[in-house]
Structures are given as C-alpha cells and as structure tokens.
Amino acid sequence: MALTVAGLDSHLDLDIGAFGSDARDRFDLPAFVADRFQAKYGHPIDPARTIIIGDAPNDIATAVVPVVVAGAALP
C-alpha cells in the first residue's frame, strides 16, 4: 500500500475510513466516517483534523464537502 511506503499508515485509523464499497456516491462517504469516528471515540470528529485521501477526481471533490457530525453539517 502506498501509505505504508510513504510512512503514513501509522498516522491513520483505517477502521473508521470510508471507501467506495460503503457508498456508490463518494459524496456520501464523509458521513460514514463521522458516524464511525463517533462510535469508536465517543465524540464528534473535528473537520479541521480530517483528511480525505483518494486517487480519483471525485475523491478530491469530496474533500470540500462538509463533514456531517451529529446530524449537522459543519462548514
């Protein structure tokens, strides 16, 4: 995996990540991450500390979609 080669894998929690297999529409993926983060860590995700990694144009476009936290969209 490229993340391992770059030395980034130890800085990521892939258990809360969202992937194309989670939703057909990439713009739905941030909500999956927010829900998984809340379930695992017990508090809302901080959008300022959230990074989207992808290799497709829609992955990049998804990076500008507000992260949904506790039913509210954060700017």
PDB file of N, CA and C in Angstrom:
ATOM      1  N   MET A   1       0.837  -1.169   0.000  1.00  0.00           N
ATOM      2  CA  MET A   1       0.000   0.000   0.000  1.00  0.00           C
ATOM      3  C   MET A   1       0.887   1.239   0.000  1.00  0.00           C
ATOM      4  N   ALA A   2       0.512   2.230  -0.781  1.00  0.00           N
ATOM      5  CA  ALA A   2       1.301   3.454  -0.919  1.00  0.00           C
ATOM      6  C   ALA A   2       1.442   4.203   0.400  1.00  0.00           C
ATOM      7  N   LEU A   3       0.442   4.110   1.263  1.00  0.00           N
ATOM      8  CA  LEU A   3       0.514   4.812   2.546  1.00  0.00           C
ATOM      9  C   LEU A   3       1.625   4.242   3.420  1.00  0.00           C
ATOM     10  N   THR A   4       1.837   2.932   3.351  1.00  0.00           N
ATOM     11  CA  THR A   4       2.903   2.301   4.121  1.00  0.00           C
ATOM     12  C   THR A   4       4.254   2.746   3.595  1.00  0.00           C
ATOM     13  N   VAL A   5       4.407   2.736   2.289  1.00  0.00           N
ATOM     14  CA  VAL A   5       5.672   3.154   1.675  1.00  0.00           C
ATOM     15  C   VAL A   5       6.001   4.595   2.047  1.00  0.00           C
ATOM     16  N   ALA A   6       5.000   5.440   2.106  1.00  0.00           N
ATOM     17  CA  ALA A   6       5.203   6.849   2.443  1.00  0.00           C
ATOM     18  C   ALA A   6       5.335   7.072   3.950  1.00  0.00           C
ATOM     19  N   GLY A   7       5.138   6.023   4.754  1.00  0.00           N
ATOM     20  CA  GLY A   7       5.239   6.147   6.197  1.00  0.00           C
ATOM     21  C   GLY A   7       4.041   6.813   6.851  1.00  0.00           C
ATOM     22  N   LEU A   8       2.916   6.832   6.158  1.00  0.00           N
ATOM     23  CA  LEU A   8       1.722   7.498   6.680  1.00  0.00           C
ATOM     24  C   LEU A   8       0.748   6.550   7.368  1.00  0.00           C
ATOM     25  N   ASP A   9       0.898   5.258   7.156  1.00  0.00           N
ATOM     26  CA  ASP A   9      -0.086   4.305   7.664  1.00  0.00           C
ATOM     27  C   ASP A   9      -0.232   4.334   9.180  1.00  0.00           C
ATOM     28  N   SER A  10       0.828   4.625   9.900  1.00  0.00           N
ATOM     29  CA  SER A  10       0.737   4.646  11.365  1.00  0.00           C
ATOM     30  C   SER A  10       0.002   5.886  11.881  1.00  0.00           C
ATOM     31  N   HIS A  11      -0.258   6.841  11.020  1.00  0.00           N
ATOM     32  CA  HIS A  11      -0.954   8.069  11.411  1.00  0.00           C
ATOM     33  C   HIS A  11      -2.436   8.041  11.045  1.00  0.00           C
ATOM     34  N   LEU A  12      -2.899   6.950  10.470  1.00  0.00           N
ATOM     35  CA  LEU A  12      -4.282   6.858  10.004  1.00  0.00           C
ATOM     36  C   LEU A  12      -5.033   5.761  10.740  1.00  0.00           C
ATOM     37  N   ASP A  13      -6.292   5.975  10.979  1.00  0.00           N
ATOM     38  CA  ASP A  13      -7.163   4.948  11.535  1.00  0.00           C
ATOM     39  C   ASP A  13      -8.055   4.460  10.404  1.00  0.00           C
ATOM     40  N   LEU A  14      -7.602   3.428   9.739  1.00  0.00           N
ATOM     41  CA  LEU A  14      -8.347   2.917   8.585  1.00  0.00           C
ATOM     42  C   LEU A  14      -9.638   2.209   8.996  1.00  0.00           C
ATOM     43  N   ASP A  15      -9.783   1.897  10.292  1.00  0.00           N
ATOM     44  CA  ASP A  15     -11.020   1.266  10.761  1.00  0.00           C
ATOM     45  C   ASP A  15     -12.218   2.206  10.634  1.00  0.00           C
ATOM     46  N   ILE A  16     -11.982   3.505  10.684  1.00  0.00           N
ATOM     47  CA  ILE A  16     -13.094   4.454  10.582  1.00  0.00           C
ATOM     48  C   ILE A  16     -13.209   5.034   9.183  1.00  0.00           C
ATOM     49  N   GLY A  17     -12.316   4.634   8.297  1.00  0.00           N
ATOM     50  CA  GLY A  17     -12.328   5.153   6.940  1.00  0.00           C
ATOM     51  C   GLY A  17     -13.570   4.718   6.180  1.00  0.00           C
ATOM     52  N   ALA A  18     -13.827   5.406   5.095  1.00  0.00           N
ATOM     53  CA  ALA A  18     -14.949   5.058   4.218  1.00  0.00           C
ATOM     54  C   ALA A  18     -14.387   4.871   2.816  1.00  0.00           C
ATOM     55  N   PHE A  19     -14.938   3.918   2.126  1.00  0.00           N
ATOM     56  CA  PHE A  19     -14.407   3.518   0.834  1.00  0.00           C
ATOM     57  C   PHE A  19     -15.537   3.381  -0.172  1.00  0.00           C
ATOM     58  N   GLY A  20     -15.182   3.232  -1.416  1.00  0.00           N
ATOM     59  CA  GLY A  20     -16.168   3.113  -2.478  1.00  0.00           C
ATOM     60  C   GLY A  20     -17.166   1.994  -2.244  1.00  0.00           C
ATOM     61  N   SER A  21     -16.763   0.972  -1.498  1.00  0.00           N
ATOM     62  CA  SER A  21     -17.675  -0.136  -1.209  1.00  0.00           C
ATOM     63  C   SER A  21     -18.749   0.247  -0.183  1.00  0.00           C
ATOM     64  N   ASP A  22     -18.550   1.366   0.519  1.00  0.00           N
ATOM     65  CA  ASP A  22     -19.533   1.821   1.502  1.00  0.00           C
ATOM     66  C   ASP A  22     -20.699   2.564   0.857  1.00  0.00           C
ATOM     67  N   ALA A  23     -20.425   3.273  -0.204  1.00  0.00           N
ATOM     68  CA  ALA A  23     -21.475   4.045  -0.878  1.00  0.00           C
ATOM     69  C   ALA A  23     -21.080   4.268  -2.330  1.00  0.00           C
ATOM     70  N   ARG A  24     -22.028   4.163  -3.187  1.00  0.00           N
ATOM     71  CA  ARG A  24     -21.759   4.392  -4.612  1.00  0.00           C
ATOM     72  C   ARG A  24     -21.361   5.846  -4.879  1.00  0.00           C
ATOM     73  N   ASP A  25     -22.015   6.741  -4.168  1.00  0.00           N
ATOM     74  CA  ASP A  25     -21.748   8.168  -4.321  1.00  0.00           C
ATOM     75  C   ASP A  25     -20.660   8.582  -3.336  1.00  0.00           C
ATOM     76  N   ARG A  26     -19.506   8.981  -3.824  1.00  0.00           N
ATOM     77  CA  ARG A  26     -18.381   9.369  -2.963  1.00  0.00           C
ATOM     78  C   ARG A  26     -18.740  10.516  -2.018  1.00  0.00           C
ATOM     79  N   PHE A  27     -19.695  11.357  -2.413  1.00  0.00           N
ATOM     80  CA  PHE A  27     -20.077  12.481  -1.571  1.00  0.00           C
ATOM     81  C   PHE A  27     -20.815  12.035  -0.306  1.00  0.00           C
ATOM     82  N   ASP A  28     -21.231  10.767  -0.241  1.00  0.00           N
ATOM     83  CA  ASP A  28     -21.859  10.214   0.959  1.00  0.00           C
ATOM     84  C   ASP A  28     -20.829   9.694   1.963  1.00  0.00           C
ATOM     85  N   LEU A  29     -19.587   9.534   1.551  1.00  0.00           N
ATOM     86  CA  LEU A  29     -18.575   8.896   2.394  1.00  0.00           C
ATOM     87  C   LEU A  29     -18.211   9.670   3.662  1.00  0.00           C
ATOM     88  N   PRO A  30     -18.124  11.000   3.637  1.00  0.00           N
ATOM     89  CA  PRO A  30     -17.782  11.693   4.890  1.00  0.00           C
ATOM     90  C   PRO A  30     -18.747  11.392   6.042  1.00  0.00           C
ATOM     91  N   ALA A  31     -20.009  11.180   5.746  1.00  0.00           N
ATOM     92  CA  ALA A  31     -20.973  10.854   6.802  1.00  0.00           C
ATOM     93  C   ALA A  31     -20.662   9.499   7.425  1.00  0.00           C
ATOM     94  N   PHE A  32     -20.193   8.538   6.617  1.00  0.00           N
ATOM     95  CA  PHE A  32     -19.796   7.238   7.150  1.00  0.00           C
ATOM     96  C   PHE A  32     -18.642   7.401   8.129  1.00  0.00           C
ATOM     97  N   VAL A  33     -17.669   8.209   7.755  1.00  0.00           N
ATOM     98  CA  VAL A  33     -16.510   8.434   8.616  1.00  0.00           C
ATOM     99  C   VAL A  33     -16.935   9.114   9.915  1.00  0.00           C
ATOM    100  N   ALA A  34     -17.778  10.122   9.820  1.00  0.00           N
ATOM    101  CA  ALA A  34     -18.239  10.828  11.017  1.00  0.00           C
ATOM    102  C   ALA A  34     -18.953   9.879  11.971  1.00  0.00           C
ATOM    103  N   ASP A  35     -19.806   9.015  11.442  1.00  0.00           N
ATOM    104  CA  ASP A  35     -20.526   8.052  12.272  1.00  0.00           C
ATOM    105  C   ASP A  35     -19.573   7.048  12.912  1.00  0.00           C
ATOM    106  N   ARG A  36     -18.622   6.542  12.144  1.00  0.00           N
ATOM    107  CA  ARG A  36     -17.668   5.556  12.663  1.00  0.00           C
ATOM    108  C   ARG A  36     -16.751   6.181  13.713  1.00  0.00           C
ATOM    109  N   PHE A  37     -16.342   7.416  13.483  1.00  0.00           N
ATOM    110  CA  PHE A  37     -15.492   8.115  14.445  1.00  0.00           C
ATOM    111  C   PHE A  37     -16.238   8.282  15.768  1.00  0.00           C
ATOM    112  N   GLN A  38     -17.468   8.769  15.690  1.00  0.00           N
ATOM    113  CA  GLN A  38     -18.290   8.977  16.891  1.00  0.00           C
ATOM    114  C   GLN A  38     -18.451   7.664  17.652  1.00  0.00           C
ATOM    115  N   ALA A  39     -18.720   6.575  16.940  1.00  0.00           N
ATOM    116  CA  ALA A  39     -18.922   5.277  17.582  1.00  0.00           C
ATOM    117  C   ALA A  39     -17.645   4.777  18.251  1.00  0.00           C
ATOM    118  N   LYS A  40     -16.512   4.997  17.627  1.00  0.00           N
ATOM    119  CA  LYS A  40     -15.252   4.474  18.165  1.00  0.00           C
ATOM    120  C   LYS A  40     -14.669   5.344  19.268  1.00  0.00           C
ATOM    121  N   TYR A  41     -14.732   6.656  19.098  1.00  0.00           N
ATOM    122  CA  TYR A  41     -14.038   7.552  20.026  1.00  0.00           C
ATOM    123  C   TYR A  41     -14.959   8.289  20.996  1.00  0.00           C
ATOM    124  N   GLY A  42     -16.268   8.213  20.772  1.00  0.00           N
ATOM    125  CA  GLY A  42     -17.218   8.780  21.715  1.00  0.00           C
ATOM    126  C   GLY A  42     -17.400  10.283  21.659  1.00  0.00           C
ATOM    127  N   HIS A  43     -16.874  10.915  20.642  1.00  0.00           N
ATOM    128  CA  HIS A  43     -17.086  12.354  20.451  1.00  0.00           C
ATOM    129  C   HIS A  43     -17.042  12.649  18.957  1.00  0.00           C
ATOM    130  N   PRO A  44     -17.595  13.785  18.558  1.00  0.00           N
ATOM    131  CA  PRO A  44     -17.662  14.108  17.128  1.00  0.00           C
ATOM    132  C   PRO A  44     -16.267  14.303  16.520  1.00  0.00           C
ATOM    133  N   ILE A  45     -16.195  14.031  15.258  1.00  0.00           N
ATOM    134  CA  ILE A  45     -14.963  14.238  14.513  1.00  0.00           C
ATOM    135  C   ILE A  45     -14.704  15.738  14.360  1.00  0.00           C
ATOM    136  N   ASP A  46     -13.460  16.122  14.340  1.00  0.00           N
ATOM    137  CA  ASP A  46     -13.070  17.523  14.152  1.00  0.00           C
ATOM    138  C   ASP A  46     -12.723  17.709  12.673  1.00  0.00           C
ATOM    139  N   PRO A  47     -13.575  18.388  11.915  1.00  0.00           N
ATOM    140  CA  PRO A  47     -13.305  18.564  10.483  1.00  0.00           C
ATOM    141  C   PRO A  47     -11.945  19.211  10.195  1.00  0.00           C
ATOM    142  N   ALA A  48     -11.469  20.035  11.104  1.00  0.00           N
ATOM    143  CA  ALA A  48     -10.168  20.685  10.900  1.00  0.00           C
ATOM    144  C   ALA A  48      -9.018  19.692  10.973  1.00  0.00           C
ATOM    145  N   ARG A  49      -9.282  18.512  11.538  1.00  0.00           N
ATOM    146  CA  ARG A  49      -8.247  17.479  11.642  1.00  0.00           C
ATOM    147  C   ARG A  49      -8.561  16.281  10.764  1.00  0.00           C
ATOM    148  N   THR A  50      -9.410  16.488   9.779  1.00  0.00           N
ATOM    149  CA  THR A  50      -9.854  15.414   8.904  1.00  0.00           C
ATOM    150  C   THR A  50      -9.236  15.578   7.525  1.00  0.00           C
ATOM    151  N   ILE A  51      -8.668  14.489   7.014  1.00  0.00           N
ATOM    152  CA  ILE A  51      -8.032  14.499   5.703  1.00  0.00           C
ATOM    153  C   ILE A  51      -8.672  13.418   4.853  1.00  0.00           C
ATOM    154  N   ILE A  52      -9.008  13.762   3.630  1.00  0.00           N
ATOM    155  CA  ILE A  52      -9.532  12.784   2.681  1.00  0.00           C
ATOM    156  C   ILE A  52      -8.415  12.433   1.721  1.00  0.00           C
ATOM    157  N   ILE A  53      -8.154  11.137   1.600  1.00  0.00           N
ATOM    158  CA  ILE A  53      -7.118  10.644   0.699  1.00  0.00           C
ATOM    159  C   ILE A  53      -7.807   9.856  -0.400  1.00  0.00           C
ATOM    160  N   GLY A  54      -7.473  10.142  -1.633  1.00  0.00           N
ATOM    161  CA  GLY A  54      -8.094   9.419  -2.734  1.00  0.00           C
ATOM    162  C   GLY A  54      -7.281   9.537  -4.001  1.00  0.00           C
ATOM    163  N   ASP A  55      -7.703   8.777  -4.984  1.00  0.00           N
ATOM    164  CA  ASP A  55      -6.972   8.764  -6.247  1.00  0.00           C
ATOM    165  C   ASP A  55      -7.854   9.033  -7.458  1.00  0.00           C
ATOM    166  N   ALA A  56      -9.046   9.504  -7.211  1.00  0.00           N
ATOM    167  CA  ALA A  56      -9.974   9.782  -8.303  1.00  0.00           C
ATOM    168  C   ALA A  56     -10.472  11.225  -8.184  1.00  0.00           C
ATOM    169  N   PRO A  57     -10.877  11.824  -9.288  1.00  0.00           N
ATOM    170  CA  PRO A  57     -11.365  13.206  -9.242  1.00  0.00           C
ATOM    171  C   PRO A  57     -12.483  13.428  -8.225  1.00  0.00           C
ATOM    172  N   ASN A  58     -13.404  12.482  -8.094  1.00  0.00           N
ATOM    173  CA  ASN A  58     -14.482  12.656  -7.115  1.00  0.00           C
ATOM    174  C   ASN A  58     -13.990  12.540  -5.680  1.00  0.00           C
ATOM    175  N   ASP A  59     -12.871  11.839  -5.463  1.00  0.00           N
ATOM    176  CA  ASP A  59     -12.276  11.813  -4.129  1.00  0.00           C
ATOM    177  C   ASP A  59     -11.821  13.217  -3.750  1.00  0.00           C
ATOM    178  N   ILE A  60     -11.219  13.899  -4.687  1.00  0.00           N
ATOM    179  CA  ILE A  60     -10.753  15.266  -4.446  1.00  0.00           C
ATOM    180  C   ILE A  60     -11.946  16.196  -4.245  1.00  0.00           C
ATOM    181  N   ALA A  61     -12.967  16.042  -5.063  1.00  0.00           N
ATOM    182  CA  ALA A  61     -14.168  16.872  -4.930  1.00  0.00           C
ATOM    183  C   ALA A  61     -14.849  16.628  -3.586  1.00  0.00           C
ATOM    184  N   THR A  62     -14.812  15.395  -3.102  1.00  0.00           N
ATOM    185  CA  THR A  62     -15.422  15.061  -1.819  1.00  0.00           C
ATOM    186  C   THR A  62     -14.728  15.788  -0.670  1.00  0.00           C
ATOM    187  N   ALA A  63     -13.474  16.104  -0.835  1.00  0.00           N
ATOM    188  CA  ALA A  63     -12.711  16.760   0.232  1.00  0.00           C
ATOM    189  C   ALA A  63     -13.274  18.136   0.583  1.00  0.00           C
ATOM    190  N   VAL A  64     -14.052  18.718  -0.277  1.00  0.00           N
ATOM    191  CA  VAL A  64     -14.623  20.040   0.026  1.00  0.00           C
ATOM    192  C   VAL A  64     -16.050  19.956   0.556  1.00  0.00           C
ATOM    193  N   VAL A  65     -16.599  18.739   0.660  1.00  0.00           N
ATOM    194  CA  VAL A  65     -17.939  18.550   1.201  1.00  0.00           C
ATOM    195  C   VAL A  65     -17.841  18.647   2.724  1.00  0.00           C
ATOM    196  N   PRO A  66     -18.710  19.417   3.373  1.00  0.00           N
ATOM    197  CA  PRO A  66     -18.671  19.495   4.843  1.00  0.00           C
ATOM    198  C   PRO A  66     -18.859  18.121   5.463  1.00  0.00           C
ATOM    199  N   VAL A  67     -18.155  17.859   6.544  1.00  0.00           N
ATOM    200  CA  VAL A  67     -18.306  16.600   7.267  1.00  0.00           C
ATOM    201  C   VAL A  67     -19.569  16.686   8.121  1.00  0.00           C
ATOM    202  N   VAL A  68     -20.371  15.652   8.055  1.00  0.00           N
ATOM    203  CA  VAL A  68     -21.608  15.624   8.820  1.00  0.00           C
ATOM    204  C   VAL A  68     -21.293  15.090  10.223  1.00  0.00           C
ATOM    205  N   VAL A  69     -21.623  15.873  11.224  1.00  0.00           N
ATOM    206  CA  VAL A  69     -21.385  15.475  12.611  1.00  0.00           C
ATOM    207  C   VAL A  69     -22.674  15.646  13.402  1.00  0.00           C
ATOM    208  N   ALA A  70     -23.111  14.583  14.016  1.00  0.00           N
ATOM    209  CA  ALA A  70     -24.315  14.618  14.856  1.00  0.00           C
ATOM    210  C   ALA A  70     -25.488  15.285  14.151  1.00  0.00           C
ATOM    211  N   GLY A  71     -25.641  14.988  12.891  1.00  0.00           N
ATOM    212  CA  GLY A  71     -26.783  15.483  12.149  1.00  0.00           C
ATOM    213  C   GLY A  71     -26.663  16.916  11.663  1.00  0.00           C
ATOM    214  N   ALA A  72     -25.541  17.554  11.905  1.00  0.00           N
ATOM    215  CA  ALA A  72     -25.364  18.930  11.462  1.00  0.00           C
ATOM    216  C   ALA A  72     -24.176  19.017  10.509  1.00  0.00           C
ATOM    217  N   ALA A  73     -24.315  19.788   9.479  1.00  0.00           N
ATOM    218  CA  ALA A  73     -23.209  19.965   8.546  1.00  0.00           C
ATOM    219  C   ALA A  73     -22.326  21.091   9.056  1.00  0.00           C
ATOM    220  N   LEU A  74     -21.045  20.820   9.126  1.00  0.00           N
ATOM    221  CA  LEU A  74     -20.091  21.842   9.561  1.00  0.00           C
ATOM    222  C   LEU A  74     -19.455  22.477   8.353  1.00  0.00           C
ATOM    223  N   PRO A  75     -19.275  23.796   8.356  1.00  0.00           N
ATOM    224  CA  PRO A  75     -18.660  24.470   7.193  1.00  0.00           C
ATOM    225  C   PRO A  75     -17.182  24.142   7.070  1.00  0.00           C
TER     226      PRO A  75
END
